[in-house]
Amino acid sequence: MKKFLFTICMLFLISCKTEQKKITEVASFKGQQVTGVTVTNQGKIFANFPRWRQGVKNSVVQIDKNGAATPYPNKEWNTWRMNTPITDSVFVAIQSVVAFDNFLYVLDTRNPFFKGVQSNPRVFVFDLNTNKVDRIYTLSKDSFHKDSYINDLRIDAKNNKAYFTDSGHAGLLILDLTSGVFKRVLDNHTSTLAETNHLNFDGGIWNNTVHSDGIALDTNKNILYYHSLTGYNLYAISTEILINGSEKEIQENVQFIKKTPAPDGMIVDKSGNLYLADLEKNKIMKLNTTTHKIEVFAEGTKIKWADTFSIYNNELYYTNSRINEVNGPIDALNFTINKISLD
């Protein structure tokens, strides 16, 4: 009997392992829906707030060690409001921030309130030593559509490229970081298109159609992973073919990797593990990109639509954007940035 009880207790502890993983809150924002987070090699934390509704206080902030947020690079850059001039010194509708090599890449969709692209989307690159704009990459007319929502990006220093997903009009983009030239690929391709028009949650159905969204780069294997948000298929392609191949060659070399839960953001760690959310089940999953084995990394009430990931000091940072819970005003909702040890 004792042996039986011991076995039951051990099984219970194993089953609760992911629930017991320590999740630490880094910052909280009441009434401000944070989506993006990135952490520099020096531990500086930046976050962004998309302009999906009125009342966005700041588009980009820097977060200190106490969780306090300061407009980045200053208040003036964060003052844009609808029907005011759009210039190259204001943030209009920021969807992603990515820190790389002491630079901060700020992706401006230029599509506020999902009303259509107001001017060519841009990527502002800030030098974190000076907090001044170092470069501005402006998308060419042939690289986006009126209904585009350029969603996220990854920097490929090895090939001097950047890769983007478009979740509004399915497709991927490639940017040459030297010439500033954009190339659009896999436009409305099966692998970039949404697979369904809704997701299922305990609280009800979230109705939306979101195309290519999550993106992750494995720099060791030279593979780019991508995934629609409303979909369950993970795809990948080699960066060599993505950069050098014709559109036909790119389409022919897209690899279906695995059926997965529906995610938002994704990231690959230095060991080649791919982290992605299970939005519908309040989980973060871990996929071994060699064996394709997938397992629960973390789960529970401190995960509410894990939106964007960043890794620093062997910890996974993520945002809780709670998108499926928003059915009206968000003034009373808290949106957080949390972190979890990768060990």
C-alpha atoms as a PDB file:
ATOM      1  CA  MET A   1       0.000   0.000   0.000  1.00  0.00           C
ATOM      2  CA  LYS A   2       2.835   2.413   0.888  1.00  0.00           C
ATOM      3  CA  LYS A   3       4.558   1.621  -2.393  1.00  0.00           C
ATOM      4  CA  PHE A   4       1.316   2.320  -4.255  1.00  0.00           C
ATOM      5  CA  LEU A   5       0.817   5.672  -2.489  1.00  0.00           C
ATOM      6  CA  PHE A   6       4.452   6.620  -3.167  1.00  0.00           C
ATOM      7  CA  THR A   7       3.980   5.863  -6.869  1.00  0.00           C
ATOM      8  CA  ILE A   8       0.799   7.945  -7.013  1.00  0.00           C
ATOM      9  CA  CYS A   9       2.550  10.878  -5.300  1.00  0.00           C
ATOM     10  CA  MET A  10       5.473  10.713  -7.721  1.00  0.00           C
ATOM     11  CA  LEU A  11       3.148  10.688 -10.721  1.00  0.00           C
ATOM     12  CA  PHE A  12       1.316  13.682  -9.272  1.00  0.00           C
ATOM     13  CA  LEU A  13       4.555  15.606  -8.805  1.00  0.00           C
ATOM     14  CA  ILE A  14       5.680  14.837 -12.339  1.00  0.00           C
ATOM     15  CA  SER A  15       2.335  15.892 -13.793  1.00  0.00           C
ATOM     16  CA  CYS A  16       2.552  19.193 -11.905  1.00  0.00           C
ATOM     17  CA  LYS A  17       6.125  19.942 -12.893  1.00  0.00           C
ATOM     18  CA  THR A  18       5.232  22.598 -15.454  1.00  0.00           C
ATOM     19  CA  GLU A  19       2.710  24.202 -13.116  1.00  0.00           C
ATOM     20  CA  GLN A  20       5.427  24.583 -10.486  1.00  0.00           C
ATOM     21  CA  LYS A  21       7.910  26.274 -12.811  1.00  0.00           C
ATOM     22  CA  LYS A  22       8.617  29.670 -11.278  1.00  0.00           C
ATOM     23  CA  ILE A  23       7.249  32.577 -13.276  1.00  0.00           C
ATOM     24  CA  THR A  24       8.416  36.060 -12.245  1.00  0.00           C
ATOM     25  CA  GLU A  25       6.601  39.248 -13.164  1.00  0.00           C
ATOM     26  CA  VAL A  26       8.947  41.853 -14.653  1.00  0.00           C
ATOM     27  CA  ALA A  27       6.483  44.669 -15.346  1.00  0.00           C
ATOM     28  CA  SER A  28       2.753  45.330 -15.378  1.00  0.00           C
ATOM     29  CA  PHE A  29       0.723  47.837 -17.399  1.00  0.00           C
ATOM     30  CA  LYS A  30      -2.852  48.654 -16.456  1.00  0.00           C
ATOM     31  CA  GLY A  31      -4.985  49.526 -19.438  1.00  0.00           C
ATOM     32  CA  GLN A  32      -2.024  49.394 -21.831  1.00  0.00           C
ATOM     33  CA  GLN A  33      -1.860  46.272 -24.017  1.00  0.00           C
ATOM     34  CA  VAL A  34       1.767  45.276 -24.372  1.00  0.00           C
ATOM     35  CA  THR A  35       2.648  42.894 -27.201  1.00  0.00           C
ATOM     36  CA  GLY A  36       6.382  43.066 -27.842  1.00  0.00           C
ATOM     37  CA  VAL A  37       9.370  42.647 -25.543  1.00  0.00           C
ATOM     38  CA  THR A  38      13.098  42.426 -26.188  1.00  0.00           C
ATOM     39  CA  VAL A  39      16.144  42.291 -23.931  1.00  0.00           C
ATOM     40  CA  THR A  40      19.593  43.455 -25.014  1.00  0.00           C
ATOM     41  CA  ASN A  41      22.852  41.628 -24.327  1.00  0.00           C
ATOM     42  CA  GLN A  42      23.394  44.120 -21.497  1.00  0.00           C
ATOM     43  CA  GLY A  43      20.006  43.375 -19.937  1.00  0.00           C
ATOM     44  CA  LYS A  44      18.127  46.484 -21.063  1.00  0.00           C
ATOM     45  CA  ILE A  45      14.432  45.740 -21.531  1.00  0.00           C
ATOM     46  CA  PHE A  46      12.227  47.371 -24.162  1.00  0.00           C
ATOM     47  CA  ALA A  47       8.541  46.843 -24.869  1.00  0.00           C
ATOM     48  CA  ASN A  48       5.962  48.089 -27.349  1.00  0.00           C
ATOM     49  CA  PHE A  49       2.246  48.777 -27.403  1.00  0.00           C
ATOM     50  CA  PRO A  50       0.371  48.522 -30.742  1.00  0.00           C
ATOM     51  CA  ARG A  51      -2.064  51.224 -31.756  1.00  0.00           C
ATOM     52  CA  TRP A  52      -5.113  48.989 -31.952  1.00  0.00           C
ATOM     53  CA  ARG A  53      -7.351  51.474 -30.137  1.00  0.00           C
ATOM     54  CA  GLN A  54      -7.386  54.987 -28.751  1.00  0.00           C
ATOM     55  CA  GLY A  55      -5.582  55.689 -25.483  1.00  0.00           C
ATOM     56  CA  VAL A  56      -2.121  54.257 -26.214  1.00  0.00           C
ATOM     57  CA  LYS A  57       0.163  56.304 -23.950  1.00  0.00           C
ATOM     58  CA  ASN A  58       3.460  55.242 -25.510  1.00  0.00           C
ATOM     59  CA  SER A  59       4.373  53.061 -28.463  1.00  0.00           C
ATOM     60  CA  VAL A  60       7.831  52.092 -27.177  1.00  0.00           C
ATOM     61  CA  VAL A  61       9.203  52.126 -23.633  1.00  0.00           C
ATOM     62  CA  GLN A  62      12.329  51.130 -21.759  1.00  0.00           C
ATOM     63  CA  ILE A  63      11.740  49.258 -18.516  1.00  0.00           C
ATOM     64  CA  ASP A  64      14.027  49.660 -15.503  1.00  0.00           C
ATOM     65  CA  LYS A  65      14.903  47.050 -12.889  1.00  0.00           C
ATOM     66  CA  ASN A  66      11.883  48.058 -10.801  1.00  0.00           C
ATOM     67  CA  GLY A  67       9.439  47.582 -13.669  1.00  0.00           C
ATOM     68  CA  ALA A  68       8.936  51.296 -14.308  1.00  0.00           C
ATOM     69  CA  ALA A  69       8.512  52.328 -17.944  1.00  0.00           C
ATOM     70  CA  THR A  70       9.972  55.394 -19.672  1.00  0.00           C
ATOM     71  CA  PRO A  71       9.059  56.511 -23.209  1.00  0.00           C
ATOM     72  CA  TYR A  72      11.781  55.531 -25.665  1.00  0.00           C
ATOM     73  CA  PRO A  73      13.764  57.213 -27.096  1.00  0.00           C
ATOM     74  CA  ASN A  74      11.835  60.177 -25.694  1.00  0.00           C
ATOM     75  CA  LYS A  75       8.311  61.477 -25.234  1.00  0.00           C
ATOM     76  CA  GLU A  76       8.250  63.290 -28.598  1.00  0.00           C
ATOM     77  CA  TRP A  77       8.643  60.078 -30.609  1.00  0.00           C
ATOM     78  CA  ASN A  78       5.546  58.710 -28.833  1.00  0.00           C
ATOM     79  CA  THR A  79       3.178  61.657 -29.380  1.00  0.00           C
ATOM     80  CA  TRP A  80       1.524  60.639 -32.666  1.00  0.00           C
ATOM     81  CA  ARG A  81      -2.275  60.577 -32.721  1.00  0.00           C
ATOM     82  CA  MET A  82      -4.739  59.823 -35.512  1.00  0.00           C
ATOM     83  CA  ASN A  83      -5.115  62.621 -38.077  1.00  0.00           C
ATOM     84  CA  THR A  84      -1.805  64.235 -37.130  1.00  0.00           C
ATOM     85  CA  PRO A  85       1.151  64.400 -39.542  1.00  0.00           C
ATOM     86  CA  ILE A  86       3.086  61.201 -40.187  1.00  0.00           C
ATOM     87  CA  THR A  87       6.824  61.841 -40.280  1.00  0.00           C
ATOM     88  CA  ASP A  88      10.061  59.930 -39.841  1.00  0.00           C
ATOM     89  CA  SER A  89      10.367  61.118 -36.268  1.00  0.00           C
ATOM     90  CA  VAL A  90       7.207  59.607 -34.759  1.00  0.00           C
ATOM     91  CA  PHE A  91       5.971  56.098 -34.026  1.00  0.00           C
ATOM     92  CA  VAL A  92       2.593  55.445 -35.646  1.00  0.00           C
ATOM     93  CA  ALA A  93       1.654  51.801 -35.036  1.00  0.00           C
ATOM     94  CA  ILE A  94       4.474  49.749 -33.536  1.00  0.00           C
ATOM     95  CA  GLN A  95       4.085  45.987 -33.542  1.00  0.00           C
ATOM     96  CA  SER A  96       7.558  44.719 -32.679  1.00  0.00           C
ATOM     97  CA  VAL A  97      10.841  45.716 -31.059  1.00  0.00           C
ATOM     98  CA  VAL A  98      13.958  43.573 -31.473  1.00  0.00           C
ATOM     99  CA  ALA A  99      17.352  44.276 -29.895  1.00  0.00           C
ATOM    100  CA  PHE A 100      20.421  43.028 -31.750  1.00  0.00           C
ATOM    101  CA  ASP A 101      24.097  43.996 -31.407  1.00  0.00           C
ATOM    102  CA  ASN A 102      23.364  47.118 -29.359  1.00  0.00           C
ATOM    103  CA  PHE A 103      20.791  48.333 -31.862  1.00  0.00           C
ATOM    104  CA  LEU A 104      17.034  48.430 -31.369  1.00  0.00           C
ATOM    105  CA  TYR A 105      14.910  47.602 -34.419  1.00  0.00           C
ATOM    106  CA  VAL A 106      11.466  49.200 -34.105  1.00  0.00           C
ATOM    107  CA  LEU A 107       8.899  47.899 -36.600  1.00  0.00           C
ATOM    108  CA  ASP A 108       6.216  50.446 -37.492  1.00  0.00           C
ATOM    109  CA  THR A 109       3.335  48.839 -39.400  1.00  0.00           C
ATOM    110  CA  ARG A 110       1.941  52.277 -40.269  1.00  0.00           C
ATOM    111  CA  ASN A 111      -1.439  50.549 -40.034  1.00  0.00           C
ATOM    112  CA  PRO A 112      -3.126  52.087 -36.969  1.00  0.00           C
ATOM    113  CA  PHE A 113      -6.446  50.617 -35.809  1.00  0.00           C
ATOM    114  CA  PHE A 114      -6.207  48.097 -38.694  1.00  0.00           C
ATOM    115  CA  LYS A 115      -7.635  50.735 -41.027  1.00  0.00           C
ATOM    116  CA  GLY A 116      -5.074  50.121 -43.739  1.00  0.00           C
ATOM    117  CA  VAL A 117      -1.477  51.176 -44.257  1.00  0.00           C
ATOM    118  CA  GLN A 118      -1.246  54.984 -43.939  1.00  0.00           C
ATOM    119  CA  SER A 119       2.254  55.281 -45.394  1.00  0.00           C
ATOM    120  CA  ASN A 120       5.006  52.824 -46.252  1.00  0.00           C
ATOM    121  CA  PRO A 121       5.823  50.663 -43.200  1.00  0.00           C
ATOM    122  CA  ARG A 122       9.222  51.389 -41.675  1.00  0.00           C
ATOM    123  CA  VAL A 123      11.885  49.926 -39.468  1.00  0.00           C
ATOM    124  CA  PHE A 124      13.601  52.484 -37.253  1.00  0.00           C
ATOM    125  CA  VAL A 125      17.022  51.365 -36.052  1.00  0.00           C
ATOM    126  CA  PHE A 126      18.255  53.082 -32.893  1.00  0.00           C
ATOM    127  CA  ASP A 127      21.847  53.076 -31.688  1.00  0.00           C
ATOM    128  CA  LEU A 128      21.529  52.144 -28.029  1.00  0.00           C
ATOM    129  CA  ASN A 129      24.770  53.942 -27.206  1.00  0.00           C
ATOM    130  CA  THR A 130      23.330  57.280 -28.261  1.00  0.00           C
ATOM    131  CA  ASN A 131      19.563  56.544 -28.362  1.00  0.00           C
ATOM    132  CA  LYS A 132      19.526  58.233 -31.773  1.00  0.00           C
ATOM    133  CA  VAL A 133      18.213  56.888 -35.081  1.00  0.00           C
ATOM    134  CA  ASP A 134      21.023  55.186 -36.956  1.00  0.00           C
ATOM    135  CA  ARG A 135      19.041  53.973 -39.991  1.00  0.00           C
ATOM    136  CA  ILE A 136      15.507  53.915 -41.352  1.00  0.00           C
ATOM    137  CA  TYR A 137      14.397  51.113 -43.656  1.00  0.00           C
ATOM    138  CA  THR A 138      11.298  52.005 -45.673  1.00  0.00           C
ATOM    139  CA  LEU A 139       9.344  49.206 -47.326  1.00  0.00           C
ATOM    140  CA  SER A 140       9.103  49.555 -51.104  1.00  0.00           C
ATOM    141  CA  LYS A 141       5.654  49.663 -52.695  1.00  0.00           C
ATOM    142  CA  ASP A 142       6.061  46.187 -54.172  1.00  0.00           C
ATOM    143  CA  SER A 143       6.838  44.611 -50.783  1.00  0.00           C
ATOM    144  CA  PHE A 144       3.544  45.302 -49.002  1.00  0.00           C
ATOM    145  CA  HIS A 145      -0.199  45.608 -49.610  1.00  0.00           C
ATOM    146  CA  LYS A 146      -2.776  48.106 -48.383  1.00  0.00           C
ATOM    147  CA  ASP A 147      -4.037  45.513 -45.886  1.00  0.00           C
ATOM    148  CA  SER A 148      -0.543  44.432 -44.790  1.00  0.00           C
ATOM    149  CA  TYR A 149       0.294  44.267 -41.111  1.00  0.00           C
ATOM    150  CA  ILE A 150       4.044  43.638 -40.946  1.00  0.00           C
ATOM    151  CA  ASN A 151       4.192  41.716 -37.727  1.00  0.00           C
ATOM    152  CA  ASP A 152       7.604  40.616 -36.505  1.00  0.00           C
ATOM    153  CA  LEU A 153      11.232  40.370 -37.579  1.00  0.00           C
ATOM    154  CA  ARG A 154      14.458  38.448 -37.027  1.00  0.00           C
ATOM    155  CA  ILE A 155      18.001  39.622 -37.774  1.00  0.00           C
ATOM    156  CA  ASP A 156      20.370  37.326 -39.655  1.00  0.00           C
ATOM    157  CA  ALA A 157      23.842  38.813 -39.070  1.00  0.00           C
ATOM    158  CA  LYS A 158      25.516  35.901 -40.854  1.00  0.00           C
ATOM    159  CA  ASN A 159      23.851  36.869 -44.132  1.00  0.00           C
ATOM    160  CA  ASN A 160      23.264  40.557 -43.349  1.00  0.00           C
ATOM    161  CA  LYS A 161      19.512  40.123 -43.794  1.00  0.00           C
ATOM    162  CA  ALA A 162      16.320  40.627 -41.823  1.00  0.00           C
ATOM    163  CA  TYR A 163      13.181  38.511 -42.199  1.00  0.00           C
ATOM    164  CA  PHE A 164       9.586  39.618 -41.579  1.00  0.00           C
ATOM    165  CA  THR A 165       6.103  38.110 -41.437  1.00  0.00           C
ATOM    166  CA  ASP A 166       2.984  39.830 -42.746  1.00  0.00           C
ATOM    167  CA  SER A 167      -0.052  38.786 -40.745  1.00  0.00           C
ATOM    168  CA  GLY A 168      -2.519  41.065 -42.523  1.00  0.00           C
ATOM    169  CA  HIS A 169      -1.746  39.901 -46.068  1.00  0.00           C
ATOM    170  CA  ALA A 170      -0.009  36.532 -45.953  1.00  0.00           C
ATOM    171  CA  GLY A 171       3.648  36.506 -46.903  1.00  0.00           C
ATOM    172  CA  LEU A 172       7.276  36.888 -45.846  1.00  0.00           C
ATOM    173  CA  LEU A 173       9.719  39.704 -46.511  1.00  0.00           C
ATOM    174  CA  ILE A 174      13.499  39.717 -46.786  1.00  0.00           C
ATOM    175  CA  LEU A 175      15.513  42.890 -46.188  1.00  0.00           C
ATOM    176  CA  ASP A 176      19.106  43.387 -47.282  1.00  0.00           C
ATOM    177  CA  LEU A 177      20.519  45.368 -44.370  1.00  0.00           C
ATOM    178  CA  THR A 178      23.200  46.990 -46.519  1.00  0.00           C
ATOM    179  CA  SER A 179      21.240  48.065 -49.598  1.00  0.00           C
ATOM    180  CA  GLY A 180      17.911  48.540 -47.825  1.00  0.00           C
ATOM    181  CA  VAL A 181      16.139  46.568 -50.557  1.00  0.00           C
ATOM    182  CA  PHE A 182      13.080  44.522 -49.575  1.00  0.00           C
ATOM    183  CA  LYS A 183      11.902  41.371 -51.354  1.00  0.00           C
ATOM    184  CA  ARG A 184       8.495  39.812 -50.795  1.00  0.00           C
ATOM    185  CA  VAL A 185       8.124  36.028 -51.057  1.00  0.00           C
ATOM    186  CA  LEU A 186       5.465  33.356 -50.449  1.00  0.00           C
ATOM    187  CA  ASP A 187       2.710  35.903 -51.033  1.00  0.00           C
ATOM    188  CA  ASN A 188      -0.604  34.180 -50.268  1.00  0.00           C
ATOM    189  CA  HIS A 189       1.209  30.856 -50.232  1.00  0.00           C
ATOM    190  CA  THR A 190      -0.371  27.897 -48.417  1.00  0.00           C
ATOM    191  CA  SER A 191       2.332  28.033 -45.752  1.00  0.00           C
ATOM    192  CA  THR A 192       1.779  31.719 -44.938  1.00  0.00           C
ATOM    193  CA  LEU A 193      -2.026  31.761 -45.113  1.00  0.00           C
ATOM    194  CA  ALA A 194      -4.232  31.357 -42.048  1.00  0.00           C
ATOM    195  CA  GLU A 195      -5.816  27.918 -41.752  1.00  0.00           C
ATOM    196  CA  THR A 196      -8.912  28.912 -39.797  1.00  0.00           C
ATOM    197  CA  ASN A 197     -10.896  32.028 -38.903  1.00  0.00           C
ATOM    198  CA  HIS A 198     -11.097  31.461 -35.162  1.00  0.00           C
ATOM    199  CA  LEU A 199      -9.457  29.987 -32.069  1.00  0.00           C
ATOM    200  CA  ASN A 200     -11.173  28.191 -29.195  1.00  0.00           C
ATOM    201  CA  PHE A 201     -10.763  29.258 -25.573  1.00  0.00           C
ATOM    202  CA  ASP A 202     -12.449  28.211 -22.360  1.00  0.00           C
ATOM    203  CA  GLY A 203     -14.120  31.610 -22.301  1.00  0.00           C
ATOM    204  CA  GLY A 204     -15.487  31.238 -25.814  1.00  0.00           C
ATOM    205  CA  ILE A 205     -14.472  31.548 -29.449  1.00  0.00           C
ATOM    206  CA  TRP A 206     -12.069  34.245 -30.638  1.00  0.00           C
ATOM    207  CA  ASN A 207     -13.076  35.104 -34.190  1.00  0.00           C
ATOM    208  CA  ASN A 208     -10.282  36.420 -36.384  1.00  0.00           C
ATOM    209  CA  THR A 209      -8.152  35.459 -39.374  1.00  0.00           C
ATOM    210  CA  VAL A 210      -4.443  36.089 -38.847  1.00  0.00           C
ATOM    211  CA  HIS A 211      -1.902  34.927 -41.394  1.00  0.00           C
ATOM    212  CA  SER A 212       1.892  34.453 -41.092  1.00  0.00           C
ATOM    213  CA  ASP A 213       2.784  35.786 -37.657  1.00  0.00           C
ATOM    214  CA  GLY A 214       5.304  33.874 -35.534  1.00  0.00           C
ATOM    215  CA  ILE A 215       8.875  33.821 -36.850  1.00  0.00           C
ATOM    216  CA  ALA A 216      12.066  32.308 -35.424  1.00  0.00           C
ATOM    217  CA  LEU A 217      15.594  31.986 -36.773  1.00  0.00           C
ATOM    218  CA  ASP A 218      17.947  29.092 -36.063  1.00  0.00           C
ATOM    219  CA  THR A 219      21.344  30.647 -36.825  1.00  0.00           C
ATOM    220  CA  ASN A 220      23.213  27.363 -36.295  1.00  0.00           C
ATOM    221  CA  LYS A 221      21.204  25.410 -38.858  1.00  0.00           C
ATOM    222  CA  ASN A 222      20.389  28.427 -41.067  1.00  0.00           C
ATOM    223  CA  ILE A 223      16.663  27.748 -40.941  1.00  0.00           C
ATOM    224  CA  LEU A 224      13.791  30.207 -40.657  1.00  0.00           C
ATOM    225  CA  TYR A 225      10.617  28.939 -38.976  1.00  0.00           C
ATOM    226  CA  TYR A 226       7.240  30.616 -39.390  1.00  0.00           C
ATOM    227  CA  HIS A 227       3.620  29.986 -38.458  1.00  0.00           C
ATOM    228  CA  SER A 228       0.220  31.571 -39.034  1.00  0.00           C
ATOM    229  CA  LEU A 229      -1.490  32.695 -35.839  1.00  0.00           C
ATOM    230  CA  THR A 230      -4.829  31.104 -36.651  1.00  0.00           C
ATOM    231  CA  GLY A 231      -3.357  27.821 -37.733  1.00  0.00           C
ATOM    232  CA  TYR A 232      -1.713  24.617 -36.515  1.00  0.00           C
ATOM    233  CA  ASN A 233       1.079  23.952 -39.011  1.00  0.00           C
ATOM    234  CA  LEU A 234       4.716  24.914 -38.452  1.00  0.00           C
ATOM    235  CA  TYR A 235       6.783  25.566 -41.579  1.00  0.00           C
ATOM    236  CA  ALA A 236      10.468  26.212 -42.258  1.00  0.00           C
ATOM    237  CA  ILE A 237      12.843  27.065 -45.060  1.00  0.00           C
ATOM    238  CA  SER A 238      16.610  27.332 -45.355  1.00  0.00           C
ATOM    239  CA  THR A 239      17.884  30.898 -45.358  1.00  0.00           C
ATOM    240  CA  GLU A 240      20.167  30.125 -48.331  1.00  0.00           C
ATOM    241  CA  ILE A 241      17.199  29.269 -50.534  1.00  0.00           C
ATOM    242  CA  LEU A 242      15.146  32.116 -49.086  1.00  0.00           C
ATOM    243  CA  ILE A 243      17.872  34.597 -50.011  1.00  0.00           C
ATOM    244  CA  ASN A 244      19.131  33.193 -53.307  1.00  0.00           C
ATOM    245  CA  GLY A 245      16.260  31.148 -54.688  1.00  0.00           C
ATOM    246  CA  SER A 246      13.632  32.178 -57.206  1.00  0.00           C
ATOM    247  CA  GLU A 247      10.037  32.369 -56.044  1.00  0.00           C
ATOM    248  CA  LYS A 248       9.435  28.948 -57.572  1.00  0.00           C
ATOM    249  CA  GLU A 249      12.463  27.459 -55.800  1.00  0.00           C
ATOM    250  CA  ILE A 250      11.407  29.020 -52.494  1.00  0.00           C
ATOM    251  CA  GLN A 251       7.904  27.580 -52.774  1.00  0.00           C
ATOM    252  CA  GLU A 252       9.256  24.144 -53.694  1.00  0.00           C
ATOM    253  CA  ASN A 253      11.603  24.096 -50.695  1.00  0.00           C
ATOM    254  CA  VAL A 254       9.147  25.084 -47.970  1.00  0.00           C
ATOM    255  CA  GLN A 255       9.180  22.326 -45.359  1.00  0.00           C
ATOM    256  CA  PHE A 256       6.207  21.292 -43.274  1.00  0.00           C
ATOM    257  CA  ILE A 257       7.694  20.574 -39.840  1.00  0.00           C
ATOM    258  CA  LYS A 258       4.922  19.544 -37.510  1.00  0.00           C
ATOM    259  CA  LYS A 259       1.381  20.039 -36.291  1.00  0.00           C
ATOM    260  CA  THR A 260       1.530  22.336 -33.255  1.00  0.00           C
ATOM    261  CA  PRO A 261      -0.807  24.372 -31.085  1.00  0.00           C
ATOM    262  CA  ALA A 262      -1.758  27.806 -32.416  1.00  0.00           C
ATOM    263  CA  PRO A 263       1.001  30.242 -31.365  1.00  0.00           C
ATOM    264  CA  ASP A 264       1.809  33.918 -31.617  1.00  0.00           C
ATOM    265  CA  GLY A 265       5.505  34.746 -31.249  1.00  0.00           C
ATOM    266  CA  MET A 266       8.299  32.178 -31.438  1.00  0.00           C
ATOM    267  CA  ILE A 267      12.005  32.030 -30.599  1.00  0.00           C
ATOM    268  CA  VAL A 268      14.911  29.579 -30.896  1.00  0.00           C
ATOM    269  CA  ASP A 269      17.437  29.256 -28.044  1.00  0.00           C
ATOM    270  CA  LYS A 270      21.174  28.618 -28.452  1.00  0.00           C
ATOM    271  CA  SER A 271      20.584  24.857 -28.159  1.00  0.00           C
ATOM    272  CA  GLY A 272      18.155  24.854 -31.065  1.00  0.00           C
ATOM    273  CA  ASN A 273      14.946  24.512 -29.066  1.00  0.00           C
ATOM    274  CA  LEU A 274      11.954  26.371 -30.452  1.00  0.00           C
ATOM    275  CA  TYR A 275       9.592  28.018 -27.952  1.00  0.00           C
ATOM    276  CA  LEU A 276       6.046  28.834 -29.002  1.00  0.00           C
ATOM    277  CA  ALA A 277       2.786  29.434 -27.203  1.00  0.00           C
ATOM    278  CA  ASP A 278      -0.297  27.282 -27.071  1.00  0.00           C
ATOM    279  CA  LEU A 279      -2.630  30.264 -27.023  1.00  0.00           C
ATOM    280  CA  GLU A 280      -5.816  28.264 -26.548  1.00  0.00           C
ATOM    281  CA  LYS A 281      -4.502  26.401 -23.467  1.00  0.00           C
ATOM    282  CA  ASN A 282      -2.468  29.087 -21.640  1.00  0.00           C
ATOM    283  CA  LYS A 283       0.791  27.237 -22.234  1.00  0.00           C
ATOM    284  CA  ILE A 284       4.273  27.747 -23.604  1.00  0.00           C
ATOM    285  CA  MET A 285       5.583  24.803 -25.596  1.00  0.00           C
ATOM    286  CA  LYS A 286       9.134  23.638 -26.296  1.00  0.00           C
ATOM    287  CA  LEU A 287       9.970  21.922 -29.575  1.00  0.00           C
ATOM    288  CA  ASN A 288      13.214  20.036 -30.163  1.00  0.00           C
ATOM    289  CA  THR A 289      14.034  21.053 -33.736  1.00  0.00           C
ATOM    290  CA  THR A 290      16.117  17.911 -34.304  1.00  0.00           C
ATOM    291  CA  THR A 291      13.688  15.242 -33.105  1.00  0.00           C
ATOM    292  CA  HIS A 292      10.549  17.389 -33.502  1.00  0.00           C
ATOM    293  CA  LYS A 293       9.416  16.240 -30.062  1.00  0.00           C
ATOM    294  CA  ILE A 294       7.186  18.844 -28.460  1.00  0.00           C
ATOM    295  CA  GLU A 295       6.447  19.203 -24.760  1.00  0.00           C
ATOM    296  CA  VAL A 296       4.918  21.657 -22.316  1.00  0.00           C
ATOM    297  CA  PHE A 297       7.527  24.108 -21.045  1.00  0.00           C
ATOM    298  CA  ALA A 298       5.209  26.122 -18.757  1.00  0.00           C
ATOM    299  CA  GLU A 299       1.501  26.545 -18.167  1.00  0.00           C
ATOM    300  CA  GLY A 300      -0.998  28.125 -15.821  1.00  0.00           C
ATOM    301  CA  THR A 301      -2.775  31.350 -14.973  1.00  0.00           C
ATOM    302  CA  LYS A 302       0.360  33.488 -15.364  1.00  0.00           C
ATOM    303  CA  ILE A 303       0.327  32.748 -19.085  1.00  0.00           C
ATOM    304  CA  LYS A 304      -2.423  34.638 -20.901  1.00  0.00           C
ATOM    305  CA  TRP A 305      -1.777  34.740 -24.640  1.00  0.00           C
ATOM    306  CA  ALA A 306       2.020  34.592 -24.534  1.00  0.00           C
ATOM    307  CA  ASP A 307       2.651  37.005 -27.373  1.00  0.00           C
ATOM    308  CA  THR A 308       6.366  37.707 -27.849  1.00  0.00           C
ATOM    309  CA  PHE A 309       9.520  36.029 -26.535  1.00  0.00           C
ATOM    310  CA  SER A 310      13.050  37.188 -25.800  1.00  0.00           C
ATOM    311  CA  ILE A 311      15.939  35.342 -24.153  1.00  0.00           C
ATOM    312  CA  TYR A 312      18.503  36.890 -21.814  1.00  0.00           C
ATOM    313  CA  ASN A 313      20.730  35.377 -19.135  1.00  0.00           C
ATOM    314  CA  ASN A 314      19.185  31.943 -19.641  1.00  0.00           C
ATOM    315  CA  GLU A 315      15.682  33.261 -18.993  1.00  0.00           C
ATOM    316  CA  LEU A 316      12.715  33.396 -21.341  1.00  0.00           C
ATOM    317  CA  TYR A 317      10.873  36.724 -21.269  1.00  0.00           C
ATOM    318  CA  TYR A 318       7.342  36.898 -22.635  1.00  0.00           C
ATOM    319  CA  THR A 319       4.401  39.282 -22.828  1.00  0.00           C
ATOM    320  CA  ASN A 320       0.837  38.503 -21.783  1.00  0.00           C
ATOM    321  CA  SER A 321      -1.246  40.436 -24.306  1.00  0.00           C
ATOM    322  CA  ARG A 322      -4.562  38.758 -23.336  1.00  0.00           C
ATOM    323  CA  ILE A 323      -5.926  39.363 -26.841  1.00  0.00           C
ATOM    324  CA  ASN A 324      -8.778  36.850 -26.572  1.00  0.00           C
ATOM    325  CA  GLU A 325     -10.019  38.459 -23.339  1.00  0.00           C
ATOM    326  CA  VAL A 326     -10.459  41.922 -24.822  1.00  0.00           C
ATOM    327  CA  ASN A 327     -14.081  42.528 -25.754  1.00  0.00           C
ATOM    328  CA  GLY A 328     -14.310  46.236 -24.971  1.00  0.00           C
ATOM    329  CA  PRO A 329     -12.498  48.843 -22.883  1.00  0.00           C
ATOM    330  CA  ILE A 330      -9.223  47.602 -21.380  1.00  0.00           C
ATOM    331  CA  ASP A 331      -8.808  50.178 -18.603  1.00  0.00           C
ATOM    332  CA  ALA A 332      -9.245  47.585 -15.852  1.00  0.00           C
ATOM    333  CA  LEU A 333      -7.033  44.891 -17.388  1.00  0.00           C
ATOM    334  CA  ASN A 334      -3.402  44.326 -16.413  1.00  0.00           C
ATOM    335  CA  PHE A 335      -0.982  43.264 -19.130  1.00  0.00           C
ATOM    336  CA  THR A 336       2.361  41.915 -17.998  1.00  0.00           C
ATOM    337  CA  ILE A 337       5.876  40.972 -18.974  1.00  0.00           C
ATOM    338  CA  ASN A 338       7.076  37.822 -17.210  1.00  0.00           C
ATOM    339  CA  LYS A 339      10.171  35.651 -17.260  1.00  0.00           C
ATOM    340  CA  ILE A 340      11.001  31.969 -16.673  1.00  0.00           C
ATOM    341  CA  SER A 341      14.321  30.206 -16.249  1.00  0.00           C
ATOM    342  CA  LEU A 342      15.212  27.964 -19.178  1.00  0.00           C
ATOM    343  CA  ASP A 343      16.697  25.360 -16.802  1.00  0.00           C
END
